[in-house]
Amino acid sequence: MLGTAALSGTASASRNWGRGRGRNDDLAITAHRGFRDVYPQNTVAAIEGSCRLGADRIEIDVEATADGEIVVFHDAALDDLTDEEGLVAETPSETVLEAEVLESGETIPTLAETLDAAWPRVTMNIEFKDSGPLSWTEFAERTLEIASQYRGEYYASSFDPDALRAVRDVDPNVAVAPIFGGNKDENLAIARELDAEAVNPSTGVLDQDLVETAHEDGRDVNVWTIDSWREARTPVELGVDGLIADYPHMASFATRESRGDRPGRGRRGH
């Protein structure tokens, strides 16, 4: 699992994390948006529930409101997931933080509220989604300042290489992971440029060559998004280090099968 590194007196994701372990014994399960198909995604309830269900890590999405508040939300617009309308980046935090998520009674939380709800044993995967009115450097400064107060460990991930470059500039000790769903060679090159601790590819781009190359480069591979044990089976067989999943316990059956640990069927009773 992750090591620790001092950042403002708290534990942050160490640059020693990852580095291509390639052992399913250490397979880490990340709760995607807080197991979004079990709980209302990216809410305090989802964080608390994912901790109770035994997630090793929790992935959350962060973006900035019109007045620069760092909030936890996935979409650029509020319309589809809440009872409010408009772009998060153009809406004041007062309105954004009162928006109800998926008629659940839960509202959009700040990053600080979300991290307060997480158990310290859980590593937080903070996905940089949209800097809004801020530059990526300003966004990284605000986000990492808040994250530094978390009692556990965390790392930064993003589809946007500029977001991760900003993280490296603001604090080189924070681990990073590029996210991608295509252009395998280009994104592996970006990971090398960043000296990233991990890569987070989609199931669609994952193959043996990607896993082997990442491990040879010293990086972990965390694949998204896993929705069933059937989808987990191939990544497990390829030797990934982590599954980013919408449900808990996605790896247990797939991991057992990959090891050949099938129990005997026995005789069915009457």
C-alpha atoms as a PDB file:
ATOM      1  CA  MET A   1       0.000   0.000   0.000  1.00  0.00           C
ATOM      2  CA  LEU A   2       0.951   3.636  -0.022  1.00  0.00           C
ATOM      3  CA  GLY A   3       3.832   4.891   2.013  1.00  0.00           C
ATOM      4  CA  THR A   4       3.646   8.224   3.780  1.00  0.00           C
ATOM      5  CA  ALA A   5       5.383  11.513   3.208  1.00  0.00           C
ATOM      6  CA  ALA A   6       5.253  14.626   5.321  1.00  0.00           C
ATOM      7  CA  LEU A   7       3.085  17.421   3.937  1.00  0.00           C
ATOM      8  CA  SER A   8       2.148  20.157   6.387  1.00  0.00           C
ATOM      9  CA  GLY A   9       2.488  17.617   9.173  1.00  0.00           C
ATOM     10  CA  THR A  10      -0.001  15.121   7.729  1.00  0.00           C
ATOM     11  CA  ALA A  11       0.183  11.957   5.655  1.00  0.00           C
ATOM     12  CA  SER A  12       0.140  12.381   1.895  1.00  0.00           C
ATOM     13  CA  ALA A  13       0.578   9.934  -0.910  1.00  0.00           C
ATOM     14  CA  SER A  14       4.234   9.050  -1.138  1.00  0.00           C
ATOM     15  CA  ARG A  15       6.251   9.074  -4.356  1.00  0.00           C
ATOM     16  CA  ASN A  16       7.239   5.538  -3.280  1.00  0.00           C
ATOM     17  CA  TRP A  17       3.702   4.285  -3.778  1.00  0.00           C
ATOM     18  CA  GLY A  18       2.922   2.044  -6.704  1.00  0.00           C
ATOM     19  CA  ARG A  19       6.061   1.326  -8.698  1.00  0.00           C
ATOM     20  CA  GLY A  20       4.610  -1.677 -10.495  1.00  0.00           C
ATOM     21  CA  ARG A  21       4.007  -4.304  -7.845  1.00  0.00           C
ATOM     22  CA  GLY A  22       1.981  -6.463 -10.225  1.00  0.00           C
ATOM     23  CA  ARG A  23       0.715  -8.809  -7.497  1.00  0.00           C
ATOM     24  CA  ASN A  24      -2.977  -9.647  -7.218  1.00  0.00           C
ATOM     25  CA  ASP A  25      -2.346 -10.426  -3.533  1.00  0.00           C
ATOM     26  CA  ASP A  26      -2.321  -6.647  -3.075  1.00  0.00           C
ATOM     27  CA  LEU A  27      -5.216  -5.892  -5.434  1.00  0.00           C
ATOM     28  CA  ALA A  28      -6.728  -2.592  -4.289  1.00  0.00           C
ATOM     29  CA  ILE A  29     -10.427  -1.850  -4.729  1.00  0.00           C
ATOM     30  CA  THR A  30     -11.301   1.792  -5.387  1.00  0.00           C
ATOM     31  CA  ALA A  31     -14.896   2.903  -4.797  1.00  0.00           C
ATOM     32  CA  HIS A  32     -15.694   4.858  -7.980  1.00  0.00           C
ATOM     33  CA  ARG A  33     -17.387   8.094  -6.871  1.00  0.00           C
ATOM     34  CA  GLY A  34     -18.004   6.280  -3.597  1.00  0.00           C
ATOM     35  CA  PHE A  35     -19.522   3.098  -5.125  1.00  0.00           C
ATOM     36  CA  ARG A  36     -21.907   5.204  -7.213  1.00  0.00           C
ATOM     37  CA  ASP A  37     -24.317   2.341  -7.948  1.00  0.00           C
ATOM     38  CA  VAL A  38     -24.765   1.704  -4.230  1.00  0.00           C
ATOM     39  CA  TYR A  39     -24.843   5.275  -2.882  1.00  0.00           C
ATOM     40  CA  PRO A  40     -25.616   8.748  -4.275  1.00  0.00           C
ATOM     41  CA  GLN A  41     -22.321   9.492  -5.978  1.00  0.00           C
ATOM     42  CA  ASN A  42     -19.692  11.861  -4.607  1.00  0.00           C
ATOM     43  CA  THR A  43     -21.664  12.610  -1.432  1.00  0.00           C
ATOM     44  CA  VAL A  44     -20.735  12.369   2.232  1.00  0.00           C
ATOM     45  CA  ALA A  45     -23.090   9.373   2.514  1.00  0.00           C
ATOM     46  CA  ALA A  46     -21.200   7.646  -0.306  1.00  0.00           C
ATOM     47  CA  ILE A  47     -17.866   8.221   1.399  1.00  0.00           C
ATOM     48  CA  GLU A  48     -19.091   6.917   4.741  1.00  0.00           C
ATOM     49  CA  GLY A  49     -20.796   3.922   3.119  1.00  0.00           C
ATOM     50  CA  SER A  50     -17.774   3.009   1.021  1.00  0.00           C
ATOM     51  CA  CYS A  51     -15.600   3.022   4.120  1.00  0.00           C
ATOM     52  CA  ARG A  52     -18.030   0.685   5.877  1.00  0.00           C
ATOM     53  CA  LEU A  53     -18.025  -1.660   2.865  1.00  0.00           C
ATOM     54  CA  GLY A  54     -14.265  -2.028   3.056  1.00  0.00           C
ATOM     55  CA  ALA A  55     -13.015   0.021   0.109  1.00  0.00           C
ATOM     56  CA  ASP A  56      -9.234   0.316   0.014  1.00  0.00           C
ATOM     57  CA  ARG A  57      -9.489   3.612  -1.853  1.00  0.00           C
ATOM     58  CA  ILE A  58     -12.238   6.041  -2.806  1.00  0.00           C
ATOM     59  CA  GLU A  59     -12.257   8.038  -6.042  1.00  0.00           C
ATOM     60  CA  ILE A  60     -13.848  11.491  -5.933  1.00  0.00           C
ATOM     61  CA  ASP A  61     -14.107  14.240  -8.546  1.00  0.00           C
ATOM     62  CA  VAL A  62     -13.196  17.817  -7.692  1.00  0.00           C
ATOM     63  CA  GLU A  63     -13.972  21.060  -9.497  1.00  0.00           C
ATOM     64  CA  ALA A  64     -14.192  24.760  -8.710  1.00  0.00           C
ATOM     65  CA  THR A  65     -17.307  26.896  -8.392  1.00  0.00           C
ATOM     66  CA  ALA A  66     -17.600  30.429  -9.763  1.00  0.00           C
ATOM     67  CA  ASP A  67     -16.129  31.826  -6.545  1.00  0.00           C
ATOM     68  CA  GLY A  68     -13.324  29.259  -6.359  1.00  0.00           C
ATOM     69  CA  GLU A  69     -14.700  26.818  -3.775  1.00  0.00           C
ATOM     70  CA  ILE A  70     -13.398  23.269  -4.305  1.00  0.00           C
ATOM     71  CA  VAL A  71     -16.410  20.958  -4.395  1.00  0.00           C
ATOM     72  CA  VAL A  72     -16.879  17.249  -5.030  1.00  0.00           C
ATOM     73  CA  PHE A  73     -18.982  16.663  -8.140  1.00  0.00           C
ATOM     74  CA  HIS A  74     -18.543  14.844 -11.441  1.00  0.00           C
ATOM     75  CA  ASP A  75     -20.390  16.704 -14.188  1.00  0.00           C
ATOM     76  CA  ALA A  76     -19.593  20.124 -15.607  1.00  0.00           C
ATOM     77  CA  ALA A  77     -23.295  21.010 -15.346  1.00  0.00           C
ATOM     78  CA  LEU A  78     -25.635  20.573 -12.393  1.00  0.00           C
ATOM     79  CA  ASP A  79     -28.666  19.693 -14.511  1.00  0.00           C
ATOM     80  CA  ASP A  80     -28.528  15.882 -14.791  1.00  0.00           C
ATOM     81  CA  LEU A  81     -27.492  14.939 -11.260  1.00  0.00           C
ATOM     82  CA  THR A  82     -29.109  17.620  -9.075  1.00  0.00           C
ATOM     83  CA  ASP A  83     -32.189  19.809  -8.675  1.00  0.00           C
ATOM     84  CA  GLU A  84     -30.236  22.884  -9.821  1.00  0.00           C
ATOM     85  CA  GLU A  85     -29.236  24.065 -13.291  1.00  0.00           C
ATOM     86  CA  GLY A  86     -26.160  25.654 -14.827  1.00  0.00           C
ATOM     87  CA  LEU A  87     -22.442  25.035 -14.998  1.00  0.00           C
ATOM     88  CA  VAL A  88     -20.641  24.473 -11.710  1.00  0.00           C
ATOM     89  CA  ALA A  89     -17.870  26.818 -12.858  1.00  0.00           C
ATOM     90  CA  GLU A  90     -20.406  29.620 -13.395  1.00  0.00           C
ATOM     91  CA  THR A  91     -22.479  29.052 -10.246  1.00  0.00           C
ATOM     92  CA  PRO A  92     -21.673  30.484  -6.791  1.00  0.00           C
ATOM     93  CA  SER A  93     -20.760  27.993  -4.096  1.00  0.00           C
ATOM     94  CA  GLU A  94     -23.815  28.904  -2.005  1.00  0.00           C
ATOM     95  CA  THR A  95     -26.063  27.521  -4.737  1.00  0.00           C
ATOM     96  CA  VAL A  96     -23.875  24.554  -5.622  1.00  0.00           C
ATOM     97  CA  LEU A  97     -23.606  23.368  -2.022  1.00  0.00           C
ATOM     98  CA  GLU A  98     -27.387  23.425  -1.612  1.00  0.00           C
ATOM     99  CA  ALA A  99     -27.998  21.303  -4.723  1.00  0.00           C
ATOM    100  CA  GLU A 100     -29.595  17.930  -3.912  1.00  0.00           C
ATOM    101  CA  VAL A 101     -27.928  14.945  -5.583  1.00  0.00           C
ATOM    102  CA  LEU A 102     -30.235  12.453  -7.348  1.00  0.00           C
ATOM    103  CA  GLU A 103     -33.199  13.154  -5.036  1.00  0.00           C
ATOM    104  CA  SER A 104     -31.273  11.471  -2.226  1.00  0.00           C
ATOM    105  CA  GLY A 105     -31.482  14.166   0.415  1.00  0.00           C
ATOM    106  CA  GLU A 106     -27.686  14.495   0.099  1.00  0.00           C
ATOM    107  CA  THR A 107     -26.172  17.729  -1.184  1.00  0.00           C
ATOM    108  CA  ILE A 108     -22.949  18.459  -3.046  1.00  0.00           C
ATOM    109  CA  PRO A 109     -20.139  18.579  -0.439  1.00  0.00           C
ATOM    110  CA  THR A 110     -16.951  20.592  -0.285  1.00  0.00           C
ATOM    111  CA  LEU A 111     -13.675  18.707  -0.577  1.00  0.00           C
ATOM    112  CA  ALA A 112     -13.004  19.432   3.089  1.00  0.00           C
ATOM    113  CA  GLU A 113     -16.343  17.904   4.155  1.00  0.00           C
ATOM    114  CA  THR A 114     -15.697  14.845   2.018  1.00  0.00           C
ATOM    115  CA  LEU A 115     -12.259  14.194   3.470  1.00  0.00           C
ATOM    116  CA  ASP A 116     -13.593  14.708   6.988  1.00  0.00           C
ATOM    117  CA  ALA A 117     -16.048  11.853   6.340  1.00  0.00           C
ATOM    118  CA  ALA A 118     -13.408   9.385   5.105  1.00  0.00           C
ATOM    119  CA  TRP A 119     -11.738   6.886   7.404  1.00  0.00           C
ATOM    120  CA  PRO A 120      -7.962   7.460   7.702  1.00  0.00           C
ATOM    121  CA  ARG A 121      -7.165   3.907   6.549  1.00  0.00           C
ATOM    122  CA  VAL A 122      -8.721   4.676   3.148  1.00  0.00           C
ATOM    123  CA  THR A 123      -6.583   6.243   0.418  1.00  0.00           C
ATOM    124  CA  MET A 124      -8.365   9.021  -1.466  1.00  0.00           C
ATOM    125  CA  ASN A 125      -8.020   9.215  -5.252  1.00  0.00           C
ATOM    126  CA  ILE A 126      -8.721  12.894  -5.946  1.00  0.00           C
ATOM    127  CA  GLU A 127      -9.563  13.323  -9.623  1.00  0.00           C
ATOM    128  CA  PHE A 128      -8.947  16.843 -10.907  1.00  0.00           C
ATOM    129  CA  LYS A 129     -11.984  17.476 -13.116  1.00  0.00           C
ATOM    130  CA  ASP A 130     -12.454  21.188 -13.864  1.00  0.00           C
ATOM    131  CA  SER A 131     -10.524  24.170 -12.524  1.00  0.00           C
ATOM    132  CA  GLY A 132     -13.374  26.546 -13.412  1.00  0.00           C
ATOM    133  CA  PRO A 133     -12.287  30.180 -13.060  1.00  0.00           C
ATOM    134  CA  LEU A 134      -8.916  29.152 -11.607  1.00  0.00           C
ATOM    135  CA  SER A 135      -5.716  28.220 -13.386  1.00  0.00           C
ATOM    136  CA  TRP A 136      -4.627  24.630 -12.857  1.00  0.00           C
ATOM    137  CA  THR A 137      -1.844  25.905 -10.594  1.00  0.00           C
ATOM    138  CA  GLU A 138      -4.294  27.867  -8.433  1.00  0.00           C
ATOM    139  CA  PHE A 139      -6.643  24.896  -8.388  1.00  0.00           C
ATOM    140  CA  ALA A 140      -3.841  22.534  -7.361  1.00  0.00           C
ATOM    141  CA  GLU A 141      -2.705  24.899  -4.611  1.00  0.00           C
ATOM    142  CA  ARG A 142      -6.199  25.122  -3.097  1.00  0.00           C
ATOM    143  CA  THR A 143      -6.941  21.417  -3.494  1.00  0.00           C
ATOM    144  CA  LEU A 144      -3.653  20.201  -2.030  1.00  0.00           C
ATOM    145  CA  GLU A 145      -3.891  22.659   0.856  1.00  0.00           C
ATOM    146  CA  ILE A 146      -7.237  21.103   1.779  1.00  0.00           C
ATOM    147  CA  ALA A 147      -6.022  17.549   1.141  1.00  0.00           C
ATOM    148  CA  SER A 148      -3.007  18.093   3.386  1.00  0.00           C
ATOM    149  CA  GLN A 149      -5.410  18.173   6.348  1.00  0.00           C
ATOM    150  CA  TYR A 150      -6.669  14.643   5.592  1.00  0.00           C
ATOM    151  CA  ARG A 151      -5.620  12.153   8.247  1.00  0.00           C
ATOM    152  CA  GLY A 152      -4.974   9.401   5.698  1.00  0.00           C
ATOM    153  CA  GLU A 153      -3.274   9.167   2.324  1.00  0.00           C
ATOM    154  CA  TYR A 154      -4.281  10.534  -1.061  1.00  0.00           C
ATOM    155  CA  TYR A 155      -3.108  10.956  -4.621  1.00  0.00           C
ATOM    156  CA  ALA A 156      -4.098  13.061  -7.641  1.00  0.00           C
ATOM    157  CA  SER A 157      -5.433  11.710 -10.928  1.00  0.00           C
ATOM    158  CA  SER A 158      -6.743  13.388 -14.065  1.00  0.00           C
ATOM    159  CA  PHE A 159      -7.499  13.033 -17.764  1.00  0.00           C
ATOM    160  CA  ASP A 160      -5.761  16.391 -18.233  1.00  0.00           C
ATOM    161  CA  PRO A 161      -1.944  16.187 -18.137  1.00  0.00           C
ATOM    162  CA  ASP A 162      -1.776  19.917 -17.355  1.00  0.00           C
ATOM    163  CA  ALA A 163      -3.625  19.295 -14.091  1.00  0.00           C
ATOM    164  CA  LEU A 164      -1.026  16.733 -13.042  1.00  0.00           C
ATOM    165  CA  ARG A 165       1.821  18.976 -14.176  1.00  0.00           C
ATOM    166  CA  ALA A 166       0.398  21.614 -11.836  1.00  0.00           C
ATOM    167  CA  VAL A 167       0.325  19.093  -8.981  1.00  0.00           C
ATOM    168  CA  ARG A 168       3.966  18.270  -9.611  1.00  0.00           C
ATOM    169  CA  ASP A 169       4.845  21.981  -9.623  1.00  0.00           C
ATOM    170  CA  VAL A 170       2.925  22.713  -6.414  1.00  0.00           C
ATOM    171  CA  ASP A 171       4.111  19.650  -4.475  1.00  0.00           C
ATOM    172  CA  PRO A 172       6.399  17.074  -6.111  1.00  0.00           C
ATOM    173  CA  ASN A 173       5.806  14.698  -3.183  1.00  0.00           C
ATOM    174  CA  VAL A 174       2.168  14.045  -4.082  1.00  0.00           C
ATOM    175  CA  ALA A 175       1.671  10.898  -6.158  1.00  0.00           C
ATOM    176  CA  VAL A 176      -0.075  11.276  -9.530  1.00  0.00           C
ATOM    177  CA  ALA A 177      -1.802   9.006 -12.043  1.00  0.00           C
ATOM    178  CA  PRO A 178      -2.906   9.902 -15.590  1.00  0.00           C
ATOM    179  CA  ILE A 179      -6.376   8.635 -16.549  1.00  0.00           C
ATOM    180  CA  PHE A 180      -7.052   7.613 -20.131  1.00  0.00           C
ATOM    181  CA  GLY A 181      -9.403   5.650 -22.363  1.00  0.00           C
ATOM    182  CA  GLY A 182      -7.341   5.601 -25.568  1.00  0.00           C
ATOM    183  CA  ASN A 183      -4.005   6.593 -27.130  1.00  0.00           C
ATOM    184  CA  LYS A 184      -2.116   4.082 -25.017  1.00  0.00           C
ATOM    185  CA  ASP A 185       1.392   4.949 -26.193  1.00  0.00           C
ATOM    186  CA  GLU A 186       0.827   8.700 -25.872  1.00  0.00           C
ATOM    187  CA  ASN A 187      -0.486   8.360 -22.336  1.00  0.00           C
ATOM    188  CA  LEU A 188       2.287   6.023 -21.237  1.00  0.00           C
ATOM    189  CA  ALA A 189       4.697   8.673 -22.516  1.00  0.00           C
ATOM    190  CA  ILE A 190       2.879  11.296 -20.429  1.00  0.00           C
ATOM    191  CA  ALA A 191       3.225   9.019 -17.390  1.00  0.00           C
ATOM    192  CA  ARG A 192       6.976   8.851 -18.022  1.00  0.00           C
ATOM    193  CA  GLU A 193       7.205  12.629 -18.383  1.00  0.00           C
ATOM    194  CA  LEU A 194       5.427  13.078 -15.053  1.00  0.00           C
ATOM    195  CA  ASP A 195       7.291  10.187 -13.425  1.00  0.00           C
ATOM    196  CA  ALA A 196       3.811   9.092 -12.370  1.00  0.00           C
ATOM    197  CA  GLU A 197       3.356   6.486  -9.667  1.00  0.00           C
ATOM    198  CA  ALA A 198       0.466   4.819 -11.522  1.00  0.00           C
ATOM    199  CA  VAL A 199      -1.652   4.849 -14.665  1.00  0.00           C
ATOM    200  CA  ASN A 200      -5.444   4.532 -14.633  1.00  0.00           C
ATOM    201  CA  PRO A 201      -6.608   3.157 -18.021  1.00  0.00           C
ATOM    202  CA  SER A 202     -10.114   2.127 -19.052  1.00  0.00           C
ATOM    203  CA  THR A 203     -11.051  -1.506 -19.623  1.00  0.00           C
ATOM    204  CA  GLY A 204     -11.303  -0.674 -23.331  1.00  0.00           C
ATOM    205  CA  VAL A 205      -7.622   0.203 -23.713  1.00  0.00           C
ATOM    206  CA  LEU A 206      -6.229  -2.299 -21.193  1.00  0.00           C
ATOM    207  CA  ASP A 207      -4.114  -5.124 -22.590  1.00  0.00           C
ATOM    208  CA  GLN A 208      -1.118  -7.245 -21.640  1.00  0.00           C
ATOM    209  CA  ASP A 209       1.326  -4.878 -23.322  1.00  0.00           C
ATOM    210  CA  LEU A 210       0.041  -1.899 -21.323  1.00  0.00           C
ATOM    211  CA  VAL A 211       0.304  -3.750 -18.013  1.00  0.00           C
ATOM    212  CA  GLU A 212       3.777  -5.093 -18.761  1.00  0.00           C
ATOM    213  CA  THR A 213       5.063  -1.735 -20.009  1.00  0.00           C
ATOM    214  CA  ALA A 214       3.693   0.135 -16.990  1.00  0.00           C
ATOM    215  CA  HIS A 215       5.183  -2.406 -14.595  1.00  0.00           C
ATOM    216  CA  GLU A 216       8.540  -2.306 -16.385  1.00  0.00           C
ATOM    217  CA  ASP A 217       8.439   1.481 -15.995  1.00  0.00           C
ATOM    218  CA  GLY A 218       7.706   1.014 -12.282  1.00  0.00           C
ATOM    219  CA  ARG A 219       4.054   2.064 -12.272  1.00  0.00           C
ATOM    220  CA  ASP A 220       0.891   0.520 -10.873  1.00  0.00           C
ATOM    221  CA  VAL A 221      -2.104  -0.086 -13.139  1.00  0.00           C
ATOM    222  CA  ASN A 222      -5.599   0.716 -11.824  1.00  0.00           C
ATOM    223  CA  VAL A 223      -8.356  -0.052 -14.334  1.00  0.00           C
ATOM    224  CA  TRP A 224     -11.817   1.530 -14.620  1.00  0.00           C
ATOM    225  CA  THR A 225     -14.750   1.014 -14.469  1.00  0.00           C
ATOM    226  CA  ILE A 226     -15.554  -2.492 -13.205  1.00  0.00           C
ATOM    227  CA  ASP A 227     -19.266  -3.291 -12.820  1.00  0.00           C
ATOM    228  CA  SER A 228     -19.270  -7.085 -12.402  1.00  0.00           C
ATOM    229  CA  TRP A 229     -17.033 -10.019 -11.519  1.00  0.00           C
ATOM    230  CA  ARG A 230     -16.999 -10.910 -15.225  1.00  0.00           C
ATOM    231  CA  GLU A 231     -15.450  -7.533 -16.048  1.00  0.00           C
ATOM    232  CA  ALA A 232     -12.957  -8.017 -13.219  1.00  0.00           C
ATOM    233  CA  ARG A 233     -11.716 -11.377 -14.476  1.00  0.00           C
ATOM    234  CA  THR A 234      -9.612 -10.195 -17.445  1.00  0.00           C
ATOM    235  CA  PRO A 235      -7.865  -7.317 -15.608  1.00  0.00           C
ATOM    236  CA  VAL A 236      -7.061  -9.673 -12.739  1.00  0.00           C
ATOM    237  CA  GLU A 237      -5.593 -12.229 -15.156  1.00  0.00           C
ATOM    238  CA  LEU A 238      -3.521  -9.478 -16.806  1.00  0.00           C
ATOM    239  CA  GLY A 239      -2.001  -8.612 -13.430  1.00  0.00           C
ATOM    240  CA  VAL A 240      -3.399  -5.153 -12.689  1.00  0.00           C
ATOM    241  CA  ASP A 241      -2.808  -3.650  -9.266  1.00  0.00           C
ATOM    242  CA  GLY A 242      -6.214  -2.090  -8.672  1.00  0.00           C
ATOM    243  CA  LEU A 243      -9.842  -2.123  -9.785  1.00  0.00           C
ATOM    244  CA  ILE A 244     -11.911   1.074  -9.839  1.00  0.00           C
ATOM    245  CA  ALA A 245     -15.450  -0.206  -9.342  1.00  0.00           C
ATOM    246  CA  ASP A 246     -19.050   0.921  -8.936  1.00  0.00           C
ATOM    247  CA  TYR A 247     -19.825  -1.966  -6.551  1.00  0.00           C
ATOM    248  CA  PRO A 248     -17.872  -3.533  -3.670  1.00  0.00           C
ATOM    249  CA  HIS A 249     -16.369  -7.036  -3.675  1.00  0.00           C
ATOM    250  CA  MET A 250     -15.826  -7.084  -7.449  1.00  0.00           C
ATOM    251  CA  ALA A 251     -12.517  -8.918  -7.220  1.00  0.00           C
ATOM    252  CA  SER A 252     -13.194 -11.786  -4.820  1.00  0.00           C
ATOM    253  CA  PHE A 253     -14.564 -14.337  -7.309  1.00  0.00           C
ATOM    254  CA  ALA A 254     -12.358 -13.223 -10.217  1.00  0.00           C
ATOM    255  CA  THR A 255      -9.233 -13.395  -8.069  1.00  0.00           C
ATOM    256  CA  ARG A 256     -10.145 -16.858  -6.807  1.00  0.00           C
ATOM    257  CA  GLU A 257     -10.651 -18.120 -10.370  1.00  0.00           C
ATOM    258  CA  SER A 258      -7.359 -16.661 -11.603  1.00  0.00           C
ATOM    259  CA  ARG A 259      -5.544 -18.601  -8.884  1.00  0.00           C
ATOM    260  CA  GLY A 260      -7.407 -21.827  -9.608  1.00  0.00           C
ATOM    261  CA  ASP A 261      -8.877 -21.865  -6.110  1.00  0.00           C
ATOM    262  CA  ARG A 262     -12.216 -23.353  -7.108  1.00  0.00           C
ATOM    263  CA  PRO A 263     -13.783 -25.414  -4.355  1.00  0.00           C
ATOM    264  CA  GLY A 264     -15.082 -28.892  -5.204  1.00  0.00           C
ATOM    265  CA  ARG A 265     -18.675 -28.965  -6.286  1.00  0.00           C
ATOM    266  CA  GLY A 266     -19.686 -31.858  -4.088  1.00  0.00           C
ATOM    267  CA  ARG A 267     -23.018 -33.639  -4.464  1.00  0.00           C
ATOM    268  CA  ARG A 268     -26.140 -31.553  -4.449  1.00  0.00           C
ATOM    269  CA  GLY A 269     -28.563 -32.484  -1.699  1.00  0.00           C
ATOM    270  CA  HIS A 270     -32.287 -33.091  -2.134  1.00  0.00           C
END
